Protein backbone atom coordinates (compact mmCIF):
# COMPACT_ATOMS: atom_id res chain seq x y z
CA UNK A 1 0.00 0.00 0.00
CA UNK A 2 1.29 3.46 -0.91
CA UNK A 3 0.64 4.84 2.60
CA UNK A 4 2.96 2.23 4.12
CA UNK A 5 5.65 2.93 1.52
CA UNK A 6 5.50 6.66 2.24
CA UNK A 7 5.72 6.08 6.00
CA UNK A 8 8.66 3.74 5.44
CA UNK A 9 10.45 6.30 3.25
CA UNK A 10 10.10 9.03 5.88
CA UNK A 11 11.06 6.78 8.79
CA UNK A 12 13.88 4.80 7.15
CA UNK A 13 16.55 7.39 7.95
CA UNK A 14 15.24 8.23 11.40
CA UNK A 15 17.11 6.99 14.44
CA UNK A 16 16.68 7.85 18.09
CA UNK A 17 19.14 6.87 20.79
CA UNK A 18 19.54 7.64 24.45
CA UNK A 19 22.38 9.95 25.47
CA UNK A 20 23.18 11.30 28.95
CA UNK A 21 21.25 14.54 28.32
CA UNK A 22 18.15 12.84 26.85
CA UNK A 23 17.67 11.65 23.28
CA UNK A 24 19.75 12.15 20.15
CA UNK A 25 17.61 12.17 17.01
CA UNK A 26 19.09 11.66 13.55
CA UNK A 27 16.79 12.45 10.63
CA UNK A 28 16.95 11.10 7.11
CA UNK A 29 17.94 14.55 5.86
CA UNK A 30 21.41 15.94 5.25
CA UNK A 31 23.20 19.27 4.99
CA UNK A 32 24.69 20.30 1.63
CA UNK A 33 28.04 18.85 2.75
CA UNK A 34 26.44 15.47 3.50
CA UNK A 35 26.27 15.60 7.30
CA UNK A 36 23.08 14.17 8.77
CA UNK A 37 20.64 16.68 10.22
CA UNK A 38 19.91 15.84 13.82
CA UNK A 39 18.96 17.31 17.15
CA UNK A 40 18.57 16.55 20.83
CA UNK A 41 15.52 16.22 23.06
CA UNK A 42 16.59 17.27 26.55
CA UNK A 43 14.72 17.37 29.86
CA UNK A 44 13.36 20.82 30.62
CA UNK A 45 13.53 22.83 33.81
CA UNK A 46 10.08 21.81 35.08
CA UNK A 47 9.13 18.21 35.80
CA UNK A 48 7.68 16.48 32.74
CA UNK A 49 8.91 19.07 30.24
CA UNK A 50 11.44 18.78 27.44
CA UNK A 51 13.12 21.04 24.91
CA UNK A 52 14.58 20.47 21.49
CA UNK A 53 17.97 21.86 20.47
CA UNK A 54 20.66 21.44 17.87
CA UNK A 55 24.31 20.77 18.67
CA UNK A 56 25.30 24.43 18.46
CA UNK A 57 27.23 24.12 15.19
CA UNK A 58 24.51 25.09 12.69
CA UNK A 59 24.89 28.86 12.98
CA UNK A 60 28.71 28.91 13.41
CA UNK A 61 28.98 26.87 10.18
CA UNK A 62 26.92 29.50 8.34
CA UNK A 63 29.02 32.27 9.84
CA UNK A 64 32.16 30.48 8.66
CA UNK A 65 30.73 30.85 5.14
CA UNK A 66 30.37 34.60 5.67
CA UNK A 67 26.66 34.53 6.52
CA UNK A 68 25.99 36.78 9.48
CA UNK A 69 22.60 36.09 11.04
CA UNK A 70 22.86 38.78 13.71
CA UNK A 71 21.81 41.69 11.48
CA UNK A 72 20.98 42.89 8.01
CA UNK A 73 19.01 41.09 5.32
CA UNK A 74 20.37 37.69 6.29
CA UNK A 75 19.55 38.35 9.93
CA UNK A 76 15.99 39.31 9.04
CA UNK A 77 15.63 36.13 6.95
CA UNK A 78 16.96 34.07 9.85
CA UNK A 79 14.61 35.73 12.36
CA UNK A 80 11.68 35.17 9.99
CA UNK A 81 12.50 31.44 9.90
CA UNK A 82 12.72 31.26 13.69
CA UNK A 83 9.36 33.04 14.00
CA UNK A 84 7.72 30.88 11.33
CA UNK A 85 8.70 27.63 13.05
CA UNK A 86 8.47 28.87 16.66
CA UNK A 87 12.06 28.37 17.82
CA UNK A 88 14.83 30.58 19.17
CA UNK A 89 18.58 31.09 18.89
CA UNK A 90 20.89 31.70 21.83
CA UNK A 91 23.62 34.13 20.80
CA UNK A 92 25.60 33.09 23.87
CA UNK A 93 25.69 29.33 23.17
CA UNK A 94 24.86 29.46 19.42
CA UNK A 95 22.20 26.80 20.01
CA UNK A 96 18.91 26.72 18.12
CA UNK A 97 16.23 25.59 20.57
CA UNK A 98 12.60 25.32 21.56
CA UNK A 99 10.99 26.49 24.75
CA UNK A 100 10.36 23.83 27.38
CA UNK A 101 7.17 21.94 26.54
CA UNK A 102 5.19 18.92 27.69
CA UNK A 103 6.26 15.55 26.30
CA UNK A 104 3.05 15.28 24.25
CA UNK A 105 4.10 18.33 22.17
CA UNK A 106 7.60 17.05 21.34
CA UNK A 107 6.76 14.88 18.28
CA UNK A 108 5.07 17.70 16.32
CA UNK A 109 7.73 20.17 17.45
CA UNK A 110 10.44 17.74 16.32
CA UNK A 111 9.00 17.69 12.80
CA UNK A 112 8.91 21.51 12.76
CA UNK A 113 12.48 21.67 14.11
CA UNK A 114 13.67 19.33 11.34
CA UNK A 115 12.00 21.60 8.79
CA UNK A 116 13.67 24.64 10.38
CA UNK A 117 17.10 23.00 10.22
CA UNK A 118 16.55 22.25 6.52
CA UNK A 119 15.42 25.81 5.82
CA UNK A 120 18.35 27.33 7.74
CA UNK A 121 20.65 25.45 5.34
CA UNK A 122 19.07 27.47 2.52
CA UNK A 123 20.69 30.58 3.97
CA UNK A 124 23.87 29.28 2.32
CA UNK A 125 22.37 30.63 -0.92
CA UNK A 126 22.79 34.09 0.61
CA UNK A 127 26.53 33.65 1.12
CA UNK A 128 28.40 36.72 -0.17
CA UNK A 129 30.24 34.75 -2.87
CA UNK A 130 26.96 33.31 -4.19
CA UNK A 131 25.19 36.67 -4.18
CA UNK A 132 28.15 38.32 -5.90
CA UNK A 133 28.31 35.60 -8.55
CA UNK A 134 24.57 35.83 -9.21
CA UNK A 135 24.75 39.61 -9.46
CA UNK A 136 27.58 39.38 -12.00
CA UNK A 137 25.64 36.87 -14.10
CA UNK A 138 22.53 39.04 -14.06
CA UNK A 139 24.42 42.23 -14.82
C-alpha atoms as a PDB file:
ATOM      1  CA  UNK A   1       0.000   0.000   0.000  1.00  0.00           C
ATOM      2  CA  UNK A   2       1.289   3.461  -0.909  1.00  0.00           C
ATOM      3  CA  UNK A   3       0.643   4.839   2.596  1.00  0.00           C
ATOM      4  CA  UNK A   4       2.965   2.234   4.122  1.00  0.00           C
ATOM      5  CA  UNK A   5       5.653   2.927   1.518  1.00  0.00           C
ATOM      6  CA  UNK A   6       5.499   6.662   2.244  1.00  0.00           C
ATOM      7  CA  UNK A   7       5.716   6.076   6.002  1.00  0.00           C
ATOM      8  CA  UNK A   8       8.663   3.739   5.437  1.00  0.00           C
ATOM      9  CA  UNK A   9      10.448   6.303   3.250  1.00  0.00           C
ATOM     10  CA  UNK A  10      10.103   9.032   5.882  1.00  0.00           C
ATOM     11  CA  UNK A  11      11.060   6.785   8.785  1.00  0.00           C
ATOM     12  CA  UNK A  12      13.878   4.800   7.154  1.00  0.00           C
ATOM     13  CA  UNK A  13      16.555   7.387   7.952  1.00  0.00           C
ATOM     14  CA  UNK A  14      15.237   8.227  11.400  1.00  0.00           C
ATOM     15  CA  UNK A  15      17.115   6.986  14.438  1.00  0.00           C
ATOM     16  CA  UNK A  16      16.680   7.847  18.091  1.00  0.00           C
ATOM     17  CA  UNK A  17      19.135   6.867  20.790  1.00  0.00           C
ATOM     18  CA  UNK A  18      19.541   7.638  24.449  1.00  0.00           C
ATOM     19  CA  UNK A  19      22.378   9.953  25.473  1.00  0.00           C
ATOM     20  CA  UNK A  20      23.176  11.302  28.954  1.00  0.00           C
ATOM     21  CA  UNK A  21      21.254  14.538  28.318  1.00  0.00           C
ATOM     22  CA  UNK A  22      18.154  12.840  26.847  1.00  0.00           C
ATOM     23  CA  UNK A  23      17.669  11.646  23.275  1.00  0.00           C
ATOM     24  CA  UNK A  24      19.751  12.150  20.146  1.00  0.00           C
ATOM     25  CA  UNK A  25      17.613  12.170  17.010  1.00  0.00           C
ATOM     26  CA  UNK A  26      19.087  11.665  13.547  1.00  0.00           C
ATOM     27  CA  UNK A  27      16.791  12.449  10.626  1.00  0.00           C
ATOM     28  CA  UNK A  28      16.950  11.095   7.112  1.00  0.00           C
ATOM     29  CA  UNK A  29      17.937  14.548   5.861  1.00  0.00           C
ATOM     30  CA  UNK A  30      21.413  15.936   5.246  1.00  0.00           C
ATOM     31  CA  UNK A  31      23.201  19.267   4.995  1.00  0.00           C
ATOM     32  CA  UNK A  32      24.687  20.303   1.633  1.00  0.00           C
ATOM     33  CA  UNK A  33      28.040  18.852   2.748  1.00  0.00           C
ATOM     34  CA  UNK A  34      26.436  15.473   3.498  1.00  0.00           C
ATOM     35  CA  UNK A  35      26.267  15.599   7.301  1.00  0.00           C
ATOM     36  CA  UNK A  36      23.078  14.169   8.772  1.00  0.00           C
ATOM     37  CA  UNK A  37      20.638  16.677  10.221  1.00  0.00           C
ATOM     38  CA  UNK A  38      19.908  15.843  13.817  1.00  0.00           C
ATOM     39  CA  UNK A  39      18.962  17.315  17.148  1.00  0.00           C
ATOM     40  CA  UNK A  40      18.569  16.550  20.825  1.00  0.00           C
ATOM     41  CA  UNK A  41      15.524  16.218  23.063  1.00  0.00           C
ATOM     42  CA  UNK A  42      16.591  17.268  26.551  1.00  0.00           C
ATOM     43  CA  UNK A  43      14.725  17.366  29.861  1.00  0.00           C
ATOM     44  CA  UNK A  44      13.361  20.815  30.621  1.00  0.00           C
ATOM     45  CA  UNK A  45      13.530  22.830  33.806  1.00  0.00           C
ATOM     46  CA  UNK A  46      10.081  21.805  35.075  1.00  0.00           C
ATOM     47  CA  UNK A  47       9.129  18.210  35.800  1.00  0.00           C
ATOM     48  CA  UNK A  48       7.683  16.478  32.738  1.00  0.00           C
ATOM     49  CA  UNK A  49       8.913  19.066  30.239  1.00  0.00           C
ATOM     50  CA  UNK A  50      11.436  18.784  27.442  1.00  0.00           C
ATOM     51  CA  UNK A  51      13.117  21.040  24.913  1.00  0.00           C
ATOM     52  CA  UNK A  52      14.583  20.467  21.486  1.00  0.00           C
ATOM     53  CA  UNK A  53      17.966  21.864  20.467  1.00  0.00           C
ATOM     54  CA  UNK A  54      20.661  21.435  17.874  1.00  0.00           C
ATOM     55  CA  UNK A  55      24.307  20.775  18.665  1.00  0.00           C
ATOM     56  CA  UNK A  56      25.304  24.432  18.463  1.00  0.00           C
ATOM     57  CA  UNK A  57      27.230  24.124  15.187  1.00  0.00           C
ATOM     58  CA  UNK A  58      24.508  25.094  12.686  1.00  0.00           C
ATOM     59  CA  UNK A  59      24.888  28.859  12.981  1.00  0.00           C
ATOM     60  CA  UNK A  60      28.708  28.908  13.411  1.00  0.00           C
ATOM     61  CA  UNK A  61      28.982  26.873  10.177  1.00  0.00           C
ATOM     62  CA  UNK A  62      26.921  29.499   8.343  1.00  0.00           C
ATOM     63  CA  UNK A  63      29.020  32.267   9.842  1.00  0.00           C
ATOM     64  CA  UNK A  64      32.163  30.479   8.660  1.00  0.00           C
ATOM     65  CA  UNK A  65      30.730  30.846   5.138  1.00  0.00           C
ATOM     66  CA  UNK A  66      30.366  34.600   5.668  1.00  0.00           C
ATOM     67  CA  UNK A  67      26.659  34.531   6.516  1.00  0.00           C
ATOM     68  CA  UNK A  68      25.995  36.782   9.483  1.00  0.00           C
ATOM     69  CA  UNK A  69      22.597  36.087  11.045  1.00  0.00           C
ATOM     70  CA  UNK A  70      22.857  38.784  13.712  1.00  0.00           C
ATOM     71  CA  UNK A  71      21.815  41.694  11.485  1.00  0.00           C
ATOM     72  CA  UNK A  72      20.981  42.892   8.005  1.00  0.00           C
ATOM     73  CA  UNK A  73      19.012  41.090   5.321  1.00  0.00           C
ATOM     74  CA  UNK A  74      20.366  37.690   6.285  1.00  0.00           C
ATOM     75  CA  UNK A  75      19.552  38.346   9.932  1.00  0.00           C
ATOM     76  CA  UNK A  76      15.993  39.308   9.040  1.00  0.00           C
ATOM     77  CA  UNK A  77      15.630  36.133   6.946  1.00  0.00           C
ATOM     78  CA  UNK A  78      16.959  34.070   9.851  1.00  0.00           C
ATOM     79  CA  UNK A  79      14.608  35.728  12.362  1.00  0.00           C
ATOM     80  CA  UNK A  80      11.678  35.167   9.993  1.00  0.00           C
ATOM     81  CA  UNK A  81      12.502  31.444   9.902  1.00  0.00           C
ATOM     82  CA  UNK A  82      12.717  31.260  13.691  1.00  0.00           C
ATOM     83  CA  UNK A  83       9.357  33.038  14.003  1.00  0.00           C
ATOM     84  CA  UNK A  84       7.723  30.881  11.326  1.00  0.00           C
ATOM     85  CA  UNK A  85       8.697  27.635  13.054  1.00  0.00           C
ATOM     86  CA  UNK A  86       8.467  28.867  16.656  1.00  0.00           C
ATOM     87  CA  UNK A  87      12.061  28.367  17.818  1.00  0.00           C
ATOM     88  CA  UNK A  88      14.830  30.580  19.174  1.00  0.00           C
ATOM     89  CA  UNK A  89      18.580  31.091  18.888  1.00  0.00           C
ATOM     90  CA  UNK A  90      20.889  31.701  21.830  1.00  0.00           C
ATOM     91  CA  UNK A  91      23.619  34.128  20.801  1.00  0.00           C
ATOM     92  CA  UNK A  92      25.601  33.088  23.869  1.00  0.00           C
ATOM     93  CA  UNK A  93      25.687  29.328  23.169  1.00  0.00           C
ATOM     94  CA  UNK A  94      24.863  29.458  19.418  1.00  0.00           C
ATOM     95  CA  UNK A  95      22.197  26.799  20.014  1.00  0.00           C
ATOM     96  CA  UNK A  96      18.907  26.717  18.124  1.00  0.00           C
ATOM     97  CA  UNK A  97      16.225  25.589  20.574  1.00  0.00           C
ATOM     98  CA  UNK A  98      12.598  25.322  21.563  1.00  0.00           C
ATOM     99  CA  UNK A  99      10.987  26.489  24.748  1.00  0.00           C
ATOM    100  CA  UNK A 100      10.361  23.828  27.375  1.00  0.00           C
ATOM    101  CA  UNK A 101       7.173  21.936  26.540  1.00  0.00           C
ATOM    102  CA  UNK A 102       5.191  18.920  27.687  1.00  0.00           C
ATOM    103  CA  UNK A 103       6.258  15.549  26.303  1.00  0.00           C
ATOM    104  CA  UNK A 104       3.048  15.284  24.248  1.00  0.00           C
ATOM    105  CA  UNK A 105       4.101  18.334  22.169  1.00  0.00           C
ATOM    106  CA  UNK A 106       7.596  17.047  21.338  1.00  0.00           C
ATOM    107  CA  UNK A 107       6.764  14.880  18.282  1.00  0.00           C
ATOM    108  CA  UNK A 108       5.073  17.696  16.325  1.00  0.00           C
ATOM    109  CA  UNK A 109       7.732  20.172  17.452  1.00  0.00           C
ATOM    110  CA  UNK A 110      10.443  17.742  16.318  1.00  0.00           C
ATOM    111  CA  UNK A 111       9.002  17.687  12.796  1.00  0.00           C
ATOM    112  CA  UNK A 112       8.911  21.508  12.759  1.00  0.00           C
ATOM    113  CA  UNK A 113      12.480  21.671  14.109  1.00  0.00           C
ATOM    114  CA  UNK A 114      13.675  19.328  11.341  1.00  0.00           C
ATOM    115  CA  UNK A 115      12.002  21.601   8.788  1.00  0.00           C
ATOM    116  CA  UNK A 116      13.668  24.640  10.382  1.00  0.00           C
ATOM    117  CA  UNK A 117      17.097  23.001  10.218  1.00  0.00           C
ATOM    118  CA  UNK A 118      16.549  22.254   6.524  1.00  0.00           C
ATOM    119  CA  UNK A 119      15.418  25.807   5.820  1.00  0.00           C
ATOM    120  CA  UNK A 120      18.352  27.325   7.738  1.00  0.00           C
ATOM    121  CA  UNK A 121      20.648  25.451   5.338  1.00  0.00           C
ATOM    122  CA  UNK A 122      19.065  27.472   2.521  1.00  0.00           C
ATOM    123  CA  UNK A 123      20.690  30.581   3.974  1.00  0.00           C
ATOM    124  CA  UNK A 124      23.871  29.282   2.318  1.00  0.00           C
ATOM    125  CA  UNK A 125      22.372  30.625  -0.916  1.00  0.00           C
ATOM    126  CA  UNK A 126      22.789  34.086   0.615  1.00  0.00           C
ATOM    127  CA  UNK A 127      26.533  33.655   1.119  1.00  0.00           C
ATOM    128  CA  UNK A 128      28.400  36.724  -0.166  1.00  0.00           C
ATOM    129  CA  UNK A 129      30.237  34.752  -2.866  1.00  0.00           C
ATOM    130  CA  UNK A 130      26.960  33.309  -4.192  1.00  0.00           C
ATOM    131  CA  UNK A 131      25.188  36.669  -4.177  1.00  0.00           C
ATOM    132  CA  UNK A 132      28.154  38.318  -5.899  1.00  0.00           C
ATOM    133  CA  UNK A 133      28.309  35.600  -8.549  1.00  0.00           C
ATOM    134  CA  UNK A 134      24.565  35.829  -9.211  1.00  0.00           C
ATOM    135  CA  UNK A 135      24.746  39.611  -9.456  1.00  0.00           C
ATOM    136  CA  UNK A 136      27.581  39.383 -12.003  1.00  0.00           C
ATOM    137  CA  UNK A 137      25.641  36.866 -14.103  1.00  0.00           C
ATOM    138  CA  UNK A 138      22.534  39.035 -14.057  1.00  0.00           C
ATOM    139  CA  UNK A 139      24.420  42.233 -14.817  1.00  0.00           C
END
